Protein backbone atom coordinates (compact mmCIF):
# COMPACT_ATOMS: atom_id res chain seq x y z
CA SER A 1 0.00 0.00 0.00
CA TRP A 2 2.32 2.83 1.16
CA LEU A 3 5.83 1.46 0.86
CA PHE A 4 8.52 3.20 2.90
CA SER A 5 12.25 2.78 3.26
CA THR A 6 15.46 4.60 4.02
CA PHE A 7 16.21 4.42 0.28
CA GLY A 8 14.66 6.25 -2.66
CA SER A 9 11.86 8.77 -2.53
CA ASN A 10 8.98 8.02 -0.20
CA PHE A 11 6.75 9.59 2.44
CA PHE A 12 8.94 8.51 5.36
CA LYS A 13 12.01 10.22 3.94
CA THR A 14 10.00 13.29 2.96
CA MET A 15 8.69 13.68 6.51
CA ILE A 16 12.19 13.28 7.96
CA SER A 17 13.49 16.00 5.63
CA LEU A 18 10.52 18.26 6.51
CA SER A 19 11.07 17.70 10.24
CA LYS A 20 13.35 20.76 10.34
CA LYS A 21 10.41 23.03 9.57
CA GLU A 22 8.20 24.52 12.26
CA GLU A 23 5.02 23.45 10.44
CA VAL A 24 4.12 20.90 7.80
CA ASN A 25 0.86 20.26 5.95
CA VAL A 26 -0.20 16.63 5.73
CA ILE A 27 -3.26 15.10 4.09
CA ASN A 28 -5.77 13.64 6.53
CA ASP A 29 -8.49 12.19 4.32
CA LEU A 30 -6.65 9.43 2.42
CA HIS A 31 -6.15 6.04 4.07
CA GLY A 32 -3.58 3.32 3.51
CA THR A 33 -1.43 0.74 5.22
CA PRO A 34 2.18 1.93 5.57
CA THR A 35 4.49 -0.94 4.67
CA ASP A 36 8.17 -1.25 5.51
CA ALA A 37 10.19 -2.31 2.44
CA ASN A 38 12.32 -4.58 4.65
CA GLU A 39 9.21 -6.36 5.89
CA LEU A 40 7.94 -6.75 2.34
CA SER A 41 11.29 -8.32 1.37
CA ALA A 42 11.06 -10.73 4.31
CA ALA A 43 7.48 -11.58 3.34
CA ILE A 44 8.50 -12.35 -0.24
CA LEU A 45 11.31 -14.64 0.94
CA HIS A 46 8.86 -16.34 3.31
CA LEU A 47 6.39 -16.82 0.45
CA ILE A 48 9.08 -18.33 -1.79
CA SER A 49 10.23 -20.75 0.90
CA SER A 50 6.60 -21.71 1.59
CA PHE A 51 6.11 -22.39 -2.10
CA ILE A 52 9.27 -24.50 -2.33
CA PHE A 53 8.67 -26.61 0.78
CA GLN A 54 4.92 -27.21 0.55
CA SER A 55 3.90 -29.79 -2.01
CA ASN A 56 0.24 -28.71 -1.81
CA PHE A 57 0.92 -24.95 -2.13
CA GLN A 58 -1.89 -23.28 -4.08
CA SER A 59 -1.07 -20.52 -6.52
CA ARG A 60 -3.09 -17.36 -5.80
CA VAL A 61 -2.89 -13.61 -5.40
CA TRP A 62 -1.43 -12.60 -2.03
CA HIS A 63 -1.71 -9.17 -0.44
CA PHE A 64 0.99 -8.03 1.91
CA ALA A 65 1.05 -4.64 3.60
CA GLY A 66 1.49 -3.15 7.02
CA LYS A 67 -1.02 -4.18 9.68
CA GLU A 68 -2.29 -0.72 10.55
CA ARG A 69 -4.70 1.31 8.44
CA MET A 70 -4.29 5.06 8.87
CA THR A 71 -4.16 8.46 7.20
CA TRP A 72 -1.04 10.22 5.95
CA PHE A 73 -1.45 12.59 8.93
CA GLN A 74 -1.41 9.68 11.40
CA PHE A 75 1.62 8.16 9.71
CA ALA A 76 3.47 11.50 9.80
CA SER A 77 2.65 11.84 13.51
CA ILE A 78 4.19 8.42 14.22
CA ILE A 79 7.30 9.24 12.17
CA PHE A 80 7.86 12.51 14.04
CA GLU A 81 7.16 11.00 17.47
CA GLU A 82 9.61 8.17 16.88
CA ALA A 83 12.22 10.53 15.41
CA VAL A 84 12.05 12.63 18.60
CA LYS A 85 12.25 9.52 20.83
CA ASN A 86 15.32 8.36 18.90
CA LYS A 87 16.87 11.85 19.07
CA LEU A 88 16.99 12.16 15.29
CA ILE A 89 15.12 15.45 15.65
CA ARG A 90 14.63 17.73 18.65
CA ASN A 91 10.99 18.72 18.27
CA THR A 92 7.96 17.55 16.39
CA PRO A 93 6.83 20.18 13.91
CA ILE A 94 3.26 21.40 14.03
CA ILE A 95 1.31 19.16 11.67
CA ASN A 96 -1.56 20.89 9.90
CA GLN A 97 -4.24 18.51 8.68
CA ILE A 98 -5.29 19.31 5.13
CA SER A 99 -7.67 17.69 2.66
CA SER A 100 -6.44 15.92 -0.44
CA LYS A 101 -8.47 18.40 -2.50
CA SER A 102 -6.36 21.28 -1.19
CA TYR A 103 -3.06 19.56 -1.99
CA PRO A 104 -1.79 19.93 -5.56
CA ALA A 105 -0.95 16.40 -6.70
CA LYS A 106 0.05 15.20 -10.16
CA ALA A 107 -1.75 11.89 -9.68
CA ILE A 108 -5.26 11.23 -8.44
CA ARG A 109 -5.05 9.08 -5.33
CA PRO A 110 -7.72 6.65 -4.11
CA GLN A 111 -9.48 7.58 -0.87
CA ASP A 112 -8.48 4.22 0.61
CA SER A 113 -5.57 2.16 -0.69
CA SER A 114 -5.41 -0.12 2.36
CA LEU A 115 -4.58 -3.76 1.84
CA ASN A 116 -5.54 -6.59 4.16
CA SER A 117 -2.75 -9.10 4.78
CA ALA A 118 -4.68 -11.41 7.10
CA ASP A 119 -4.59 -14.36 4.67
CA PHE A 120 -0.86 -13.96 4.17
CA GLU A 121 -0.27 -13.85 7.91
CA ASN A 122 -2.64 -16.67 8.82
CA LEU A 123 -2.21 -19.14 5.97
CA LEU A 124 1.56 -18.70 5.67
CA ASN A 125 2.16 -18.24 9.39
CA PHE A 126 3.99 -14.93 8.90
CA LYS A 127 4.10 -12.42 11.70
CA HIS A 128 5.32 -8.95 11.07
CA ASP A 129 6.33 -6.11 13.33
CA ASP A 130 4.06 -3.26 14.29
CA LEU A 131 4.50 0.02 12.43
CA ARG A 132 6.29 1.87 15.24
CA SER A 133 8.92 -0.86 15.42
CA CYS A 134 9.47 -0.65 11.66
CA VAL A 135 9.69 3.15 11.77
CA ASN A 136 12.18 2.89 14.66
CA LYS A 137 14.40 0.54 12.67
CA ALA A 138 14.32 2.89 9.70
CA ILE A 139 15.09 5.93 11.86
CA LYS A 140 18.13 4.19 13.34
CA LYS A 141 19.50 3.73 9.79
CA ILE A 142 19.02 7.31 8.67
CA SER A 143 20.85 10.53 9.40
CA ILE A 144 19.85 14.08 8.60
């Protein structure tokens, strides 16, 4: 759904770079499931090993995304809170909640791009970390 990492361009890295500002505007009416790229990689490896070692493995479409559905505003709040806890930044900027209609975007975004990974977790016995833990790991790998 909303893939984030310490590499490339993504919301996580944008928020870290904007953390130096006093205020940031963040959309609060679009929902998704933030997904750590490292967790996605681990899930893919788990899926491959499940496929290789299970003779009765059924081919199908699998969804994998973070466990927690939230808005961009909620995700930004978590990123800033964890960045302060980890002393990456001193203070959380003021986060102004804005609507997607008031934000100039090149692409039209769906109101809800959440994915449900329950089948992946349950049928393949894969447990992934909570979002804060994933954000913490990413913060520990980044410097500003």
